[in-house]
Protein backbone atom coordinates (compact mmCIF):
# COMPACT_ATOMS: atom_id res chain seq x y z
CA MET A 1 45.25 67.28 -8.87
CA GLU A 2 43.59 66.59 -11.94
CA ILE A 3 44.99 65.45 -15.12
CA ARG A 4 43.40 65.50 -18.76
CA ILE A 5 44.53 64.94 -21.91
CA ARG A 6 42.71 66.12 -24.57
CA LYS A 7 42.59 66.81 -28.32
CA ALA A 8 43.71 70.01 -29.61
CA LYS A 9 41.55 73.15 -30.78
CA ARG A 10 42.62 75.99 -33.01
CA GLU A 11 42.56 77.96 -29.86
CA ASP A 12 45.03 75.74 -28.00
CA CYS A 13 47.94 77.36 -30.67
CA ALA A 14 49.09 80.22 -28.57
CA ALA A 15 49.46 78.32 -25.23
CA ALA A 16 50.93 75.16 -27.38
CA LEU A 17 53.27 77.47 -29.06
CA GLU A 18 54.62 79.07 -26.09
CA LEU A 19 55.24 75.32 -24.68
CA ILE A 20 57.47 75.15 -27.87
CA LYS A 21 59.52 77.99 -27.09
CA GLU A 22 59.81 76.94 -23.54
CA LEU A 23 60.92 73.65 -24.89
CA ALA A 24 63.67 75.68 -27.23
CA VAL A 25 65.06 77.54 -24.35
CA PHE A 26 65.66 73.80 -22.65
CA GLU A 27 67.23 72.57 -25.37
CA LYS A 28 69.44 75.40 -25.54
CA GLU A 29 67.74 76.71 -28.74
CA PRO A 30 65.92 80.18 -28.17
CA ALA A 31 66.13 81.30 -31.20
CA ALA A 32 65.20 78.49 -33.53
CA VAL A 33 61.50 78.78 -33.41
CA GLU A 34 60.81 80.57 -36.17
CA VAL A 35 56.93 79.12 -36.94
CA THR A 36 54.45 81.93 -36.68
CA LEU A 37 51.05 81.10 -34.63
CA ALA A 38 49.38 81.78 -38.53
CA GLN A 39 51.13 79.40 -39.92
CA PHE A 40 50.73 76.95 -37.01
CA GLU A 41 47.00 77.51 -36.98
CA GLU A 42 47.59 76.81 -40.39
CA ASP A 43 49.55 73.66 -40.50
CA GLY A 44 47.55 72.21 -37.69
CA PHE A 45 43.74 73.04 -38.56
CA GLY A 46 43.63 74.76 -41.87
CA THR A 47 42.31 73.09 -45.01
CA ARG A 48 45.10 70.63 -45.39
CA PRO A 49 46.34 69.66 -41.91
CA ILE A 50 49.69 67.60 -41.55
CA TYR A 51 49.89 67.35 -37.52
CA ASP A 52 48.05 66.15 -34.60
CA LEU A 53 47.99 68.01 -31.43
CA LEU A 54 46.79 66.64 -27.81
CA ILE A 55 46.76 69.32 -25.09
CA GLY A 56 47.91 68.19 -21.14
CA GLU A 57 45.74 70.03 -18.55
CA LEU A 58 46.54 69.82 -15.22
CA ASP A 59 43.37 70.95 -12.83
CA GLY A 60 42.09 72.76 -16.14
CA LYS A 61 45.45 74.80 -17.15
CA ILE A 62 47.33 73.90 -20.45
CA ARG A 63 50.59 72.59 -18.73
CA GLY A 64 51.89 70.06 -22.33
CA MET A 65 51.59 69.13 -25.60
CA ALA A 66 52.24 66.20 -27.72
CA LEU A 67 52.52 66.83 -31.30
CA TYR A 68 52.39 64.13 -33.46
CA TYR A 69 52.01 62.85 -37.27
CA GLU A 70 52.33 59.74 -39.68
CA LYS A 71 54.80 58.64 -41.92
CA TYR A 72 55.44 55.86 -43.46
CA SER A 73 58.51 52.98 -43.03
CA THR A 74 58.84 50.65 -46.09
CA TRP A 75 59.56 48.03 -43.54
CA LYS A 76 56.60 48.34 -41.18
CA GLY A 77 54.20 50.61 -42.83
CA ARG A 78 52.43 53.10 -40.89
CA ALA A 79 54.46 54.44 -38.55
CA LEU A 80 53.44 57.68 -35.96
CA TYR A 81 56.68 59.94 -35.13
CA LEU A 82 56.04 61.89 -31.77
CA GLU A 83 57.99 65.61 -32.90
CA ASP A 84 58.03 66.42 -29.30
CA LEU A 85 56.21 66.17 -25.98
CA ILE A 86 56.66 68.98 -23.98
CA VAL A 87 55.35 69.52 -20.20
CA THR A 88 56.53 72.63 -18.60
CA GLU A 89 59.06 73.15 -16.32
CA SER A 90 57.27 73.81 -13.50
CA GLU A 91 54.86 70.43 -13.87
CA ARG A 92 57.28 68.21 -14.49
CA GLY A 93 57.18 64.89 -12.49
CA LYS A 94 53.66 65.14 -11.85
CA GLY A 95 52.39 62.54 -14.23
CA LEU A 96 51.50 64.23 -17.12
CA GLY A 97 54.05 63.61 -19.14
CA LEU A 98 53.17 59.65 -19.00
CA ALA A 99 49.43 60.58 -18.90
CA LEU A 100 50.31 62.18 -22.65
CA PHE A 101 53.34 59.66 -23.66
CA LYS A 102 50.38 57.05 -23.28
CA ALA A 103 47.90 58.95 -25.14
CA VAL A 104 50.08 58.66 -28.27
CA ILE A 105 50.94 55.00 -27.72
CA GLN A 106 47.24 54.57 -27.66
CA GLU A 107 46.84 57.05 -30.46
CA ALA A 108 49.86 54.84 -32.42
CA TYR A 109 48.06 51.18 -31.52
CA ASP A 110 44.69 52.63 -32.73
CA ARG A 111 46.33 53.93 -36.20
CA ALA A 112 47.57 50.13 -36.62
CA SER A 113 51.09 51.50 -36.58
CA GLY A 114 53.98 49.53 -37.35
CA ARG A 115 56.28 51.13 -34.82
CA MET A 116 55.99 54.80 -33.42
CA GLU A 117 59.79 57.05 -33.38
CA TRP A 118 60.88 60.02 -31.59
CA GLN A 119 64.41 61.70 -31.23
CA VAL A 120 65.71 62.48 -27.71
CA LEU A 121 68.94 64.58 -26.98
CA ASP A 122 71.76 62.67 -25.91
CA TRP A 123 72.07 64.79 -23.11
CA ASN A 124 68.46 65.03 -21.82
CA GLN A 125 69.00 61.77 -19.57
CA PRO A 126 65.78 62.58 -17.43
CA ALA A 127 63.99 61.76 -20.45
CA ILE A 128 66.06 58.98 -21.74
CA ASP A 129 65.20 57.29 -18.29
CA PHE A 130 61.70 58.05 -18.94
CA TYR A 131 61.24 56.31 -21.67
CA LYS A 132 63.61 53.77 -20.83
CA ASN A 133 61.61 52.85 -18.33
CA LEU A 134 58.44 52.11 -20.09
CA GLY A 135 60.88 49.81 -22.06
CA ALA A 136 61.82 51.82 -25.14
CA SER A 137 64.85 51.12 -27.15
CA ILE A 138 66.99 54.58 -27.28
CA GLU A 139 69.16 53.50 -30.56
CA ASP A 140 72.54 54.61 -31.18
CA GLU A 141 73.54 53.56 -34.91
CA TRP A 142 71.50 55.86 -36.85
CA LEU A 143 72.50 59.52 -37.44
CA ASN A 144 70.01 62.59 -38.47
CA GLY A 145 70.35 64.17 -41.58
CA ARG A 146 68.89 67.53 -42.18
CA PHE A 147 68.79 70.31 -44.68
CA SER A 148 67.71 73.80 -43.31
CA LYS A 149 65.00 75.85 -45.52
CA GLU A 150 67.95 78.04 -46.43
CA GLN A 151 70.10 75.01 -47.49
CA ILE A 152 67.20 73.95 -49.70
CA ILE A 153 66.51 77.04 -51.50
CA LYS A 154 70.11 77.38 -52.51
CA ILE A 155 70.16 73.58 -53.98
CA CYS A 156 66.84 74.25 -55.75
CA GLN A 157 68.00 77.49 -57.39
CA ALA A 158 71.76 76.09 -57.91
């Protein structure tokens, strides 16, 4: 079995979006993916890309991805945020997730990031164990704040 990690190309977006939809089902939110293929392509490969994407292949087939972007920490400076690390369910446990995660860590290192962050659902024990086995700290004191698109519109049009 050959594992290959590479930077994504625009033509990888359809396969990446399918992985995102698979993740949404796994996370018990199958209807939550609203991004269209055209928007996903434009946001990652258009005139002003806002994310980076790594593709994970097993034996030449796309089986995983890692989507990340830079953010800024007022305490640490440059920071890299891993939005999603996805390996299709049938291929988990074969080393692809680890290879993708290490590639993102390398990207944080190459960018001289002051830290790297991501989220994991509190019920996803296999993922929590995966990150902890690599020495990651999983925090429980920070709560996530969020506005939906509808809430943003409501606030701004009030």
